[in-house]
C-alpha atoms as a PDB file:
ATOM      1  CA  MET A   1      17.337  34.832 -33.248  1.00  0.00           C
ATOM      2  CA  GLY A   2      17.949  37.139 -36.364  1.00  0.00           C
ATOM      3  CA  LEU A   3      17.355  36.287 -39.771  1.00  0.00           C
ATOM      4  CA  PRO A   4      15.341  33.430 -40.685  1.00  0.00           C
ATOM      5  CA  SER A   5      17.919  30.425 -41.622  1.00  0.00           C
ATOM      6  CA  PRO A   6      16.793  30.772 -45.795  1.00  0.00           C
ATOM      7  CA  ARG A   7      19.521  32.695 -46.598  1.00  0.00           C
ATOM      8  CA  LEU A   8      23.473  36.025 -44.648  1.00  0.00           C
ATOM      9  CA  LEU A   9      26.318  36.858 -46.876  1.00  0.00           C
ATOM     10  CA  THR A  10      30.063  38.847 -44.518  1.00  0.00           C
ATOM     11  CA  SER A  11      31.603  38.524 -43.985  1.00  0.00           C
ATOM     12  CA  ALA A  12      32.835  37.890 -44.280  1.00  0.00           C
ATOM     13  CA  ALA A  13      30.262  37.730 -43.695  1.00  0.00           C
ATOM     14  CA  VAL A  14      26.064  38.945 -45.679  1.00  0.00           C
ATOM     15  CA  VAL A  15      23.608  40.737 -43.447  1.00  0.00           C
ATOM     16  CA  ALA A  16      20.161  41.025 -43.910  1.00  0.00           C
ATOM     17  CA  GLY A  17      19.283  40.973 -47.602  1.00  0.00           C
ATOM     18  CA  ALA A  18      21.561  38.386 -49.008  1.00  0.00           C
ATOM     19  CA  LEU A  19      23.508  36.684 -46.303  1.00  0.00           C
ATOM     20  CA  MET A  20      21.731  33.516 -46.237  1.00  0.00           C
ATOM     21  CA  LEU A  21      22.449  31.049 -48.817  1.00  0.00           C
ATOM     22  CA  GLY A  22      19.784  27.926 -49.497  1.00  0.00           C
ATOM     23  CA  PRO A  23      21.028  24.658 -51.046  1.00  0.00           C
ATOM     24  CA  SER A  24      19.960  25.207 -54.660  1.00  0.00           C
ATOM     25  CA  ALA A  25      21.936  28.722 -54.778  1.00  0.00           C
ATOM     26  CA  GLN A  26      25.004  26.861 -53.378  1.00  0.00           C
ATOM     27  CA  ALA A  27      24.743  24.189 -56.155  1.00  0.00           C
ATOM     28  CA  GLU A  28      24.483  26.827 -58.859  1.00  0.00           C
ATOM     29  CA  ARG A  29      27.903  28.088 -57.727  1.00  0.00           C
ATOM     30  CA  THR A  30      29.718  25.029 -57.810  1.00  0.00           C
ATOM     31  CA  ALA A  31      32.152  26.682 -60.461  1.00  0.00           C
ATOM     32  CA  THR A  32      33.381  28.868 -57.871  1.00  0.00           C
ATOM     33  CA  PRO A  33      36.532  27.859 -55.669  1.00  0.00           C
ATOM     34  CA  THR A  34      34.998  27.117 -52.235  1.00  0.00           C
ATOM     35  CA  LEU A  35      36.350  26.707 -48.783  1.00  0.00           C
ATOM     36  CA  VAL A  36      33.946  25.266 -46.187  1.00  0.00           C
ATOM     37  CA  VAL A  37      34.178  26.622 -42.618  1.00  0.00           C
ATOM     38  CA  ASN A  38      32.262  24.449 -40.105  1.00  0.00           C
ATOM     39  CA  PHE A  39      31.520  25.697 -36.486  1.00  0.00           C
ATOM     40  CA  THR A  40      30.506  22.695 -34.132  1.00  0.00           C
ATOM     41  CA  PRO A  41      28.222  23.252 -30.834  1.00  0.00           C
ATOM     42  CA  THR A  42      31.417  22.338 -28.621  1.00  0.00           C
ATOM     43  CA  GLY A  43      33.495  25.277 -30.306  1.00  0.00           C
ATOM     44  CA  VAL A  44      35.500  23.419 -33.142  1.00  0.00           C
ATOM     45  CA  VAL A  45      36.235  24.773 -36.160  1.00  0.00           C
ATOM     46  CA  THR A  46      37.424  23.267 -39.497  1.00  0.00           C
ATOM     47  CA  VAL A  47      38.392  24.413 -42.821  1.00  0.00           C
ATOM     48  CA  THR A  48      38.163  22.106 -45.828  1.00  0.00           C
ATOM     49  CA  LEU A  49      37.676  22.358 -49.411  1.00  0.00           C
ATOM     50  CA  PRO A  50      34.346  20.850 -50.691  1.00  0.00           C
ATOM     51  CA  ASN A  51      35.597  17.244 -50.851  1.00  0.00           C
ATOM     52  CA  GLY A  52      36.325  17.208 -47.386  1.00  0.00           C
ATOM     53  CA  THR A  53      39.964  17.728 -47.972  1.00  0.00           C
ATOM     54  CA  PRO A  54      41.547  19.969 -44.797  1.00  0.00           C
ATOM     55  CA  VAL A  55      42.933  23.136 -45.527  1.00  0.00           C
ATOM     56  CA  GLY A  56      45.942  23.957 -43.165  1.00  0.00           C
ATOM     57  CA  THR A  57      48.490  22.299 -40.932  1.00  0.00           C
ATOM     58  CA  THR A  58      49.726  23.102 -37.521  1.00  0.00           C
ATOM     59  CA  ASN A  59      53.234  21.416 -38.199  1.00  0.00           C
ATOM     60  CA  GLY A  60      55.201  20.515 -41.332  1.00  0.00           C
ATOM     61  CA  ALA A  61      54.695  21.767 -44.986  1.00  0.00           C
ATOM     62  CA  PRO A  62      52.033  23.759 -45.134  1.00  0.00           C
ATOM     63  CA  THR A  63      49.180  22.509 -47.545  1.00  0.00           C
ATOM     64  CA  THR A  64      48.732  23.859 -50.803  1.00  0.00           C
ATOM     65  CA  ILE A  65      45.511  24.963 -53.102  1.00  0.00           C
ATOM     66  CA  PRO A  66      45.201  26.686 -56.128  1.00  0.00           C
ATOM     67  CA  ALA A  67      45.014  30.544 -55.574  1.00  0.00           C
ATOM     68  CA  GLY A  68      41.838  32.303 -56.806  1.00  0.00           C
ATOM     69  CA  ASN A  69      38.782  34.320 -55.780  1.00  0.00           C
ATOM     70  CA  TYR A  70      37.005  32.241 -53.369  1.00  0.00           C
ATOM     71  CA  THR A  71      33.685  31.696 -51.924  1.00  0.00           C
ATOM     72  CA  LEU A  72      33.841  30.933 -47.960  1.00  0.00           C
ATOM     73  CA  VAL A  73      30.828  29.220 -47.116  1.00  0.00           C
ATOM     74  CA  LEU A  74      30.534  29.023 -43.223  1.00  0.00           C
ATOM     75  CA  ASN A  75      28.228  26.848 -41.199  1.00  0.00           C
ATOM     76  CA  GLY A  76      27.192  26.630 -37.806  1.00  0.00           C
ATOM     77  CA  PRO A  77      24.807  25.516 -35.217  1.00  0.00           C
ATOM     78  CA  GLY A  78      22.880  29.032 -34.846  1.00  0.00           C
ATOM     79  CA  ASN A  79      20.800  29.387 -31.680  1.00  0.00           C
ATOM     80  CA  CYS A  80      23.191  31.842 -30.147  1.00  0.00           C
ATOM     81  CA  THR A  81      25.280  28.957 -29.292  1.00  0.00           C
ATOM     82  CA  PRO A  82      28.787  30.546 -28.012  1.00  0.00           C
ATOM     83  CA  GLU A  83      31.556  29.985 -30.794  1.00  0.00           C
ATOM     84  CA  PRO A  84      34.889  31.186 -30.685  1.00  0.00           C
ATOM     85  CA  LEU A  85      35.837  33.831 -33.452  1.00  0.00           C
ATOM     86  CA  PHE A  86      37.393  32.406 -36.774  1.00  0.00           C
ATOM     87  CA  GLU A  87      40.314  34.527 -37.973  1.00  0.00           C
ATOM     88  CA  LEU A  88      41.421  34.083 -41.692  1.00  0.00           C
ATOM     89  CA  GLU A  89      44.659  36.489 -42.444  1.00  0.00           C
ATOM     90  CA  GLY A  90      47.392  36.694 -45.219  1.00  0.00           C
ATOM     91  CA  PRO A  91      48.170  38.795 -48.446  1.00  0.00           C
ATOM     92  CA  GLY A  92      44.875  40.897 -48.942  1.00  0.00           C
ATOM     93  CA  VAL A  93      43.008  39.026 -46.243  1.00  0.00           C
ATOM     94  CA  ASP A  94      41.907  39.794 -42.821  1.00  0.00           C
ATOM     95  CA  LEU A  95      38.414  37.859 -42.162  1.00  0.00           C
ATOM     96  CA  THR A  96      36.824  37.249 -38.546  1.00  0.00           C
ATOM     97  CA  SER A  97      33.797  35.671 -38.034  1.00  0.00           C
ATOM     98  CA  ASP A  98      31.741  34.042 -35.113  1.00  0.00           C
ATOM     99  CA  MET A  99      28.682  33.436 -37.074  1.00  0.00           C
ATOM    100  CA  LEU A 100      27.612  36.840 -36.042  1.00  0.00           C
ATOM    101  CA  GLY A 101      27.279  35.635 -32.504  1.00  0.00           C
ATOM    102  CA  SER A 102      25.620  32.545 -33.551  1.00  0.00           C
ATOM    103  CA  ASP A 103      22.612  34.400 -34.880  1.00  0.00           C
ATOM    104  CA  VAL A 104      22.579  32.636 -38.270  1.00  0.00           C
ATOM    105  CA  THR A 105      23.301  28.864 -39.369  1.00  0.00           C
ATOM    106  CA  THR A 106      25.203  29.699 -42.722  1.00  0.00           C
ATOM    107  CA  TYR A 107      26.251  32.587 -44.663  1.00  0.00           C
ATOM    108  CA  GLU A 108      28.929  33.555 -47.182  1.00  0.00           C
ATOM    109  CA  ALA A 109      32.437  35.763 -47.163  1.00  0.00           C
ATOM    110  CA  TYR A 110      34.572  36.435 -50.069  1.00  0.00           C
ATOM    111  CA  ALA A 111      38.389  36.090 -50.292  1.00  0.00           C
ATOM    112  CA  THR A 112      41.100  36.552 -53.067  1.00  0.00           C
ATOM    113  CA  LEU A 113      43.914  33.823 -52.330  1.00  0.00           C
ATOM    114  CA  GLN A 114      46.978  35.358 -54.125  1.00  0.00           C
ATOM    115  CA  SER A 115      49.543  33.413 -56.239  1.00  0.00           C
ATOM    116  CA  ASN A 116      52.488  32.164 -54.041  1.00  0.00           C
ATOM    117  CA  ALA A 117      51.170  33.761 -50.973  1.00  0.00           C
ATOM    118  CA  THR A 118      50.846  31.825 -47.261  1.00  0.00           C
ATOM    119  CA  TYR A 119      47.806  32.220 -45.147  1.00  0.00           C
ATOM    120  CA  THR A 120      46.840  31.109 -41.721  1.00  0.00           C
ATOM    121  CA  TRP A 121      43.861  30.722 -39.681  1.00  0.00           C
ATOM    122  CA  HIS A 122      42.956  30.119 -35.893  1.00  0.00           C
ATOM    123  CA  THR A 123      40.576  30.964 -33.427  1.00  0.00           C
ATOM    124  CA  ASP A 124      40.451  33.045 -30.412  1.00  0.00           C
ATOM    125  CA  TRP A 125      39.570  29.901 -28.186  1.00  0.00           C
ATOM    126  CA  ASN A 126      42.948  28.724 -28.839  1.00  0.00           C
ATOM    127  CA  GLN A 127      45.332  31.166 -30.545  1.00  0.00           C
ATOM    128  CA  SER A 128      48.457  29.244 -30.139  1.00  0.00           C
ATOM    129  CA  VAL A 129      46.978  26.407 -32.720  1.00  0.00           C
ATOM    130  CA  VAL A 130      47.752  28.201 -36.019  1.00  0.00           C
ATOM    131  CA  TYR A 131      46.908  26.321 -39.275  1.00  0.00           C
ATOM    132  CA  THR A 132      48.881  27.339 -42.416  1.00  0.00           C
ATOM    133  CA  PHE A 133      48.393  26.795 -45.979  1.00  0.00           C
ATOM    134  CA  THR A 134      49.662  28.270 -49.408  1.00  0.00           C
ATOM    135  CA  ALA A 135      48.060  29.272 -52.636  1.00  0.00           C
ATOM    136  CA  SER A 136      49.715  28.428 -55.933  1.00  0.00           C
ATOM    137  CA  GLY A 137      49.211  29.112 -59.380  1.00  0.00           C
ATOM    138  CA  THR A 138      47.438  32.034 -61.336  1.00  0.00           C
ATOM    139  CA  VAL A 139      44.394  33.914 -59.837  1.00  0.00           C
ATOM    140  CA  ALA A 140      42.048  33.138 -62.728  1.00  0.00           C
ATOM    141  CA  ALA A 141      38.643  35.124 -63.768  1.00  0.00           C
ATOM    142  CA  SER A 142      35.709  33.562 -62.154  1.00  0.00           C
ATOM    143  CA  THR A 143      33.773  31.138 -64.227  1.00  0.00           C
ATOM    144  CA  PRO A 144      30.091  31.937 -64.966  1.00  0.00           C
ATOM    145  CA  THR A 145      27.841  30.136 -62.920  1.00  0.00           C
ATOM    146  CA  ALA A 146      24.282  28.545 -63.823  1.00  0.00           C
ATOM    147  CA  SER A 147      22.233  31.599 -62.619  1.00  0.00           C
ATOM    148  CA  GLY A 148      24.118  33.739 -65.281  1.00  0.00           C
ATOM    149  CA  THR A 149      26.552  35.742 -63.359  1.00  0.00           C
ATOM    150  CA  SER A 150      29.050  37.193 -65.296  1.00  0.00           C
ATOM    151  CA  SER A 151      32.707  36.702 -64.593  1.00  0.00           C
ATOM    152  CA  SER A 152      35.080  39.052 -62.965  1.00  0.00           C
ATOM    153  CA  ALA A 153      38.725  39.364 -63.931  1.00  0.00           C
ATOM    154  CA  ALA A 154      41.394  38.888 -61.305  1.00  0.00           C
ATOM    155  CA  GLY A 155      42.107  42.262 -59.096  1.00  0.00           C
ATOM    156  CA  SER A 156      38.896  43.650 -60.442  1.00  0.00           C
ATOM    157  CA  SER A 157      37.442  46.466 -58.348  1.00  0.00           C
ATOM    158  CA  THR A 158      34.192  45.351 -59.048  1.00  0.00           C
ATOM    159  CA  PRO A 159      33.545  41.620 -58.174  1.00  0.00           C
ATOM    160  CA  THR A 160      30.123  40.477 -58.553  1.00  0.00           C
ATOM    161  CA  SER A 161      27.791  37.829 -56.962  1.00  0.00           C
ATOM    162  CA  ILE A 162      24.471  36.266 -56.761  1.00  0.00           C
ATOM    163  CA  GLY A 163      21.652  38.655 -55.381  1.00  0.00           C
ATOM    164  CA  ILE A 164      18.882  37.240 -52.803  1.00  0.00           C
ATOM    165  CA  VAL A 165      16.811  35.979 -55.719  1.00  0.00           C
ATOM    166  CA  GLY A 166      20.036  34.199 -57.106  1.00  0.00           C
ATOM    167  CA  SER A 167      19.893  35.631 -60.270  1.00  0.00           C
ATOM    168  CA  GLU A 168      20.670  39.405 -60.369  1.00  0.00           C
ATOM    169  CA  ILE A 169      24.707  40.402 -60.512  1.00  0.00           C
ATOM    170  CA  VAL A 170      25.273  42.484 -57.510  1.00  0.00           C
ATOM    171  CA  PRO A 171      27.989  45.055 -57.635  1.00  0.00           C
ATOM    172  CA  PHE A 172      30.519  45.440 -55.306  1.00  0.00           C
ATOM    173  CA  ARG A 173      30.709  49.159 -54.129  1.00  0.00           C
ATOM    174  CA  GLY A 174      33.450  49.355 -51.228  1.00  0.00           C
ATOM    175  CA  LYS A 175      33.840  49.582 -47.758  1.00  0.00           C
ATOM    176  CA  LEU A 176      31.627  51.010 -44.853  1.00  0.00           C
ATOM    177  CA  ALA A 177      33.563  51.744 -41.608  1.00  0.00           C
ATOM    178  CA  VAL A 178      31.422  51.653 -38.789  1.00  0.00           C
ATOM    179  CA  ALA A 179      32.916  52.673 -35.266  1.00  0.00           C
ATOM    180  CA  VAL A 180      31.048  52.286 -31.748  1.00  0.00           C
ATOM    181  CA  SER A 181      32.854  54.352 -29.210  1.00  0.00           C
ATOM    182  CA  ALA A 182      32.995  53.138 -25.695  1.00  0.00           C
ATOM    183  CA  SER A 183      30.208  55.552 -24.523  1.00  0.00           C
ATOM    184  CA  GLY A 184      28.217  54.124 -27.340  1.00  0.00           C
ATOM    185  CA  LYS A 185      28.185  56.568 -30.074  1.00  0.00           C
ATOM    186  CA  LEU A 186      27.887  54.768 -33.496  1.00  0.00           C
ATOM    187  CA  THR A 187      29.180  56.408 -36.662  1.00  0.00           C
ATOM    188  CA  VAL A 188      29.335  55.370 -40.289  1.00  0.00           C
ATOM    189  CA  THR A 189      31.386  56.576 -43.023  1.00  0.00           C
ATOM    190  CA  PHE A 190      32.241  55.872 -46.621  1.00  0.00           C
ATOM    191  CA  GLY A 191      35.194  57.009 -48.227  1.00  0.00           C
ATOM    192  CA  GLY A 192      36.081  59.080 -44.982  1.00  0.00           C
ATOM    193  CA  ARG A 193      32.508  60.769 -45.222  1.00  0.00           C
ATOM    194  CA  SER A 194      29.519  60.561 -43.176  1.00  0.00           C
ATOM    195  CA  VAL A 195      26.782  58.304 -44.877  1.00  0.00           C
ATOM    196  CA  THR A 196      23.712  59.519 -45.758  1.00  0.00           C
ATOM    197  CA  SER A 197      22.916  57.907 -49.280  1.00  0.00           C
ATOM    198  CA  LEU A 198      24.392  54.913 -50.739  1.00  0.00           C
ATOM    199  CA  LYS A 199      24.124  53.195 -54.154  1.00  0.00           C
ATOM    200  CA  ALA A 200      22.410  49.771 -53.960  1.00  0.00           C
ATOM    201  CA  GLY A 201      25.061  46.992 -53.974  1.00  0.00           C
ATOM    202  CA  ARG A 202      27.343  45.073 -51.895  1.00  0.00           C
ATOM    203  CA  TYR A 203      29.570  46.603 -49.107  1.00  0.00           C
ATOM    204  CA  THR A 204      32.058  45.575 -47.043  1.00  0.00           C
ATOM    205  CA  LEU A 205      31.137  46.146 -43.318  1.00  0.00           C
ATOM    206  CA  ALA A 206      33.866  46.856 -41.206  1.00  0.00           C
ATOM    207  CA  VAL A 207      33.042  47.325 -37.543  1.00  0.00           C
ATOM    208  CA  THR A 208      35.324  48.502 -34.729  1.00  0.00           C
ATOM    209  CA  ASP A 209      32.944  48.013 -31.498  1.00  0.00           C
ATOM    210  CA  ARG A 210      34.638  49.248 -28.218  1.00  0.00           C
ATOM    211  CA  SER A 211      31.635  49.608 -26.486  1.00  0.00           C
ATOM    212  CA  ARG A 212      30.163  46.810 -23.462  1.00  0.00           C
ATOM    213  CA  THR A 213      26.936  48.526 -23.771  1.00  0.00           C
ATOM    214  CA  SER A 214      25.994  49.190 -27.290  1.00  0.00           C
ATOM    215  CA  GLY A 215      26.850  47.365 -30.708  1.00  0.00           C
ATOM    216  CA  LEU A 216      25.631  47.377 -34.340  1.00  0.00           C
ATOM    217  CA  ALA A 217      22.385  46.536 -35.833  1.00  0.00           C
ATOM    218  CA  LEU A 218      21.152  47.003 -39.250  1.00  0.00           C
ATOM    219  CA  GLN A 219      17.703  46.700 -40.873  1.00  0.00           C
ATOM    220  CA  GLY A 220      16.547  47.503 -44.140  1.00  0.00           C
ATOM    221  CA  THR A 221      13.366  48.348 -45.671  1.00  0.00           C
ATOM    222  CA  ALA A 222      11.307  44.886 -45.898  1.00  0.00           C
ATOM    223  CA  HIS A 223      14.284  43.310 -44.263  1.00  0.00           C
ATOM    224  CA  LYS A 224      14.216  41.920 -40.520  1.00  0.00           C
ATOM    225  CA  ALA A 225      16.812  43.820 -38.211  1.00  0.00           C
ATOM    226  CA  MET A 226      19.965  42.114 -37.925  1.00  0.00           C
ATOM    227  CA  THR A 227      22.618  42.270 -34.908  1.00  0.00           C
ATOM    228  CA  VAL A 228      25.987  42.593 -36.362  1.00  0.00           C
ATOM    229  CA  THR A 229      27.837  42.884 -32.990  1.00  0.00           C
ATOM    230  CA  GLY A 230      25.714  42.677 -29.845  1.00  0.00           C
ATOM    231  CA  THR A 231      26.166  44.316 -26.687  1.00  0.00           C
ATOM    232  CA  ALA A 232      28.556  41.965 -25.031  1.00  0.00           C
ATOM    233  CA  PHE A 233      30.893  42.031 -28.413  1.00  0.00           C
ATOM    234  CA  VAL A 234      34.192  44.280 -28.297  1.00  0.00           C
ATOM    235  CA  GLY A 235      36.431  43.958 -31.063  1.00  0.00           C
ATOM    236  CA  LYS A 236      36.433  44.167 -34.737  1.00  0.00           C
ATOM    237  CA  ARG A 237      34.244  42.393 -36.966  1.00  0.00           C
ATOM    238  CA  THR A 238      33.727  42.458 -40.980  1.00  0.00           C
ATOM    239  CA  VAL A 239      30.759  41.204 -42.655  1.00  0.00           C
ATOM    240  CA  SER A 240      29.695  41.554 -46.169  1.00  0.00           C
ATOM    241  CA  VAL A 241      25.957  43.228 -46.871  1.00  0.00           C
ATOM    242  CA  ASP A 242      23.805  43.474 -49.795  1.00  0.00           C
ATOM    243  CA  LEU A 243      22.124  46.758 -49.437  1.00  0.00           C
ATOM    244  CA  THR A 244      18.793  46.996 -51.628  1.00  0.00           C
ATOM    245  CA  ALA A 245      16.922  49.669 -52.583  1.00  0.00           C
ATOM    246  CA  GLY A 246      15.146  51.473 -49.555  1.00  0.00           C
ATOM    247  CA  THR A 247      15.975  52.880 -46.050  1.00  0.00           C
ATOM    248  CA  TRP A 248      18.804  51.053 -44.220  1.00  0.00           C
ATOM    249  CA  LEU A 249      18.645  51.948 -40.315  1.00  0.00           C
ATOM    250  CA  PHE A 250      22.122  51.930 -38.590  1.00  0.00           C
ATOM    251  CA  MET A 251      21.448  51.068 -34.715  1.00  0.00           C
ATOM    252  CA  PRO A 252      23.648  50.569 -31.387  1.00  0.00           C
ATOM    253  CA  ARG A 253      21.133  48.451 -30.382  1.00  0.00           C
ATOM    254  CA  LEU A 254      18.009  46.960 -31.952  1.00  0.00           C
ATOM    255  CA  GLY A 255      15.288  49.629 -31.744  1.00  0.00           C
ATOM    256  CA  LYS A 256      17.167  52.697 -31.255  1.00  0.00           C
ATOM    257  CA  THR A 257      18.219  54.429 -34.248  1.00  0.00           C
ATOM    258  CA  ALA A 258      21.355  56.235 -34.675  1.00  0.00           C
ATOM    259  CA  LEU A 259      21.687  56.920 -38.593  1.00  0.00           C
ATOM    260  CA  ALA A 260      19.444  56.444 -41.734  1.00  0.00           C
ATOM    261  CA  ALA A 261      20.716  56.144 -45.044  1.00  0.00           C
ATOM    262  CA  VAL A 262      18.908  55.913 -48.165  1.00  0.00           C
ATOM    263  CA  VAL A 263      19.876  53.352 -50.589  1.00  0.00           C
ATOM    264  CA  SER A 264      19.145  53.922 -54.202  1.00  0.00           C
END
């Protein structure tokens, strides 16, 4: 279902063009601080450093990790296996994911963990169990990776990341606000204005879905359609998406176009 397994990003999610990340691309990005979020077939979620060290405690002193610009690598069983909604919150971070309804087996999201700040994560299947951790030290510029991605200073409004081929810098353009009303009406705005055209690049896709009969699907030129929120989903979801040049369709459900945006 959804995209084939080879490569998703958002959100915290990336949709269609660059959400998936294969093992070779992951190896190229070892210089970037990483958090690994694993979803199991039984609905258990864990957050660790790449070496397996758990991130977050439910009691006592919170664990501490370095502050920085992190890549979150989310892994799940896929095959539409029911999964809880993972939520990571704290200063400058509000990330949620259920592996896009388990349509995908892996994708990336991005978060800047600020110095001397406290963060929490939990799932909506057991909201009383909250894991807490802190970030310490200075948020440093990103280290160039083997693919030639250039560094990005802390606090920059234009972070960069690896594109679909693993060699192109993808500029961050901002947030697309997507609303699906209870009746199924879909609207997409950028900077408060309705979207008709966009610059190619990476966008944060912030979806508020109030419909039990509609949702959001996205399809681009030469990219298969991807369900972001299905008809059974009601709530908020944030993913990161690389919009490549061409026409992108925003649909309340697969096959029913509500809006077309030209990306150049």
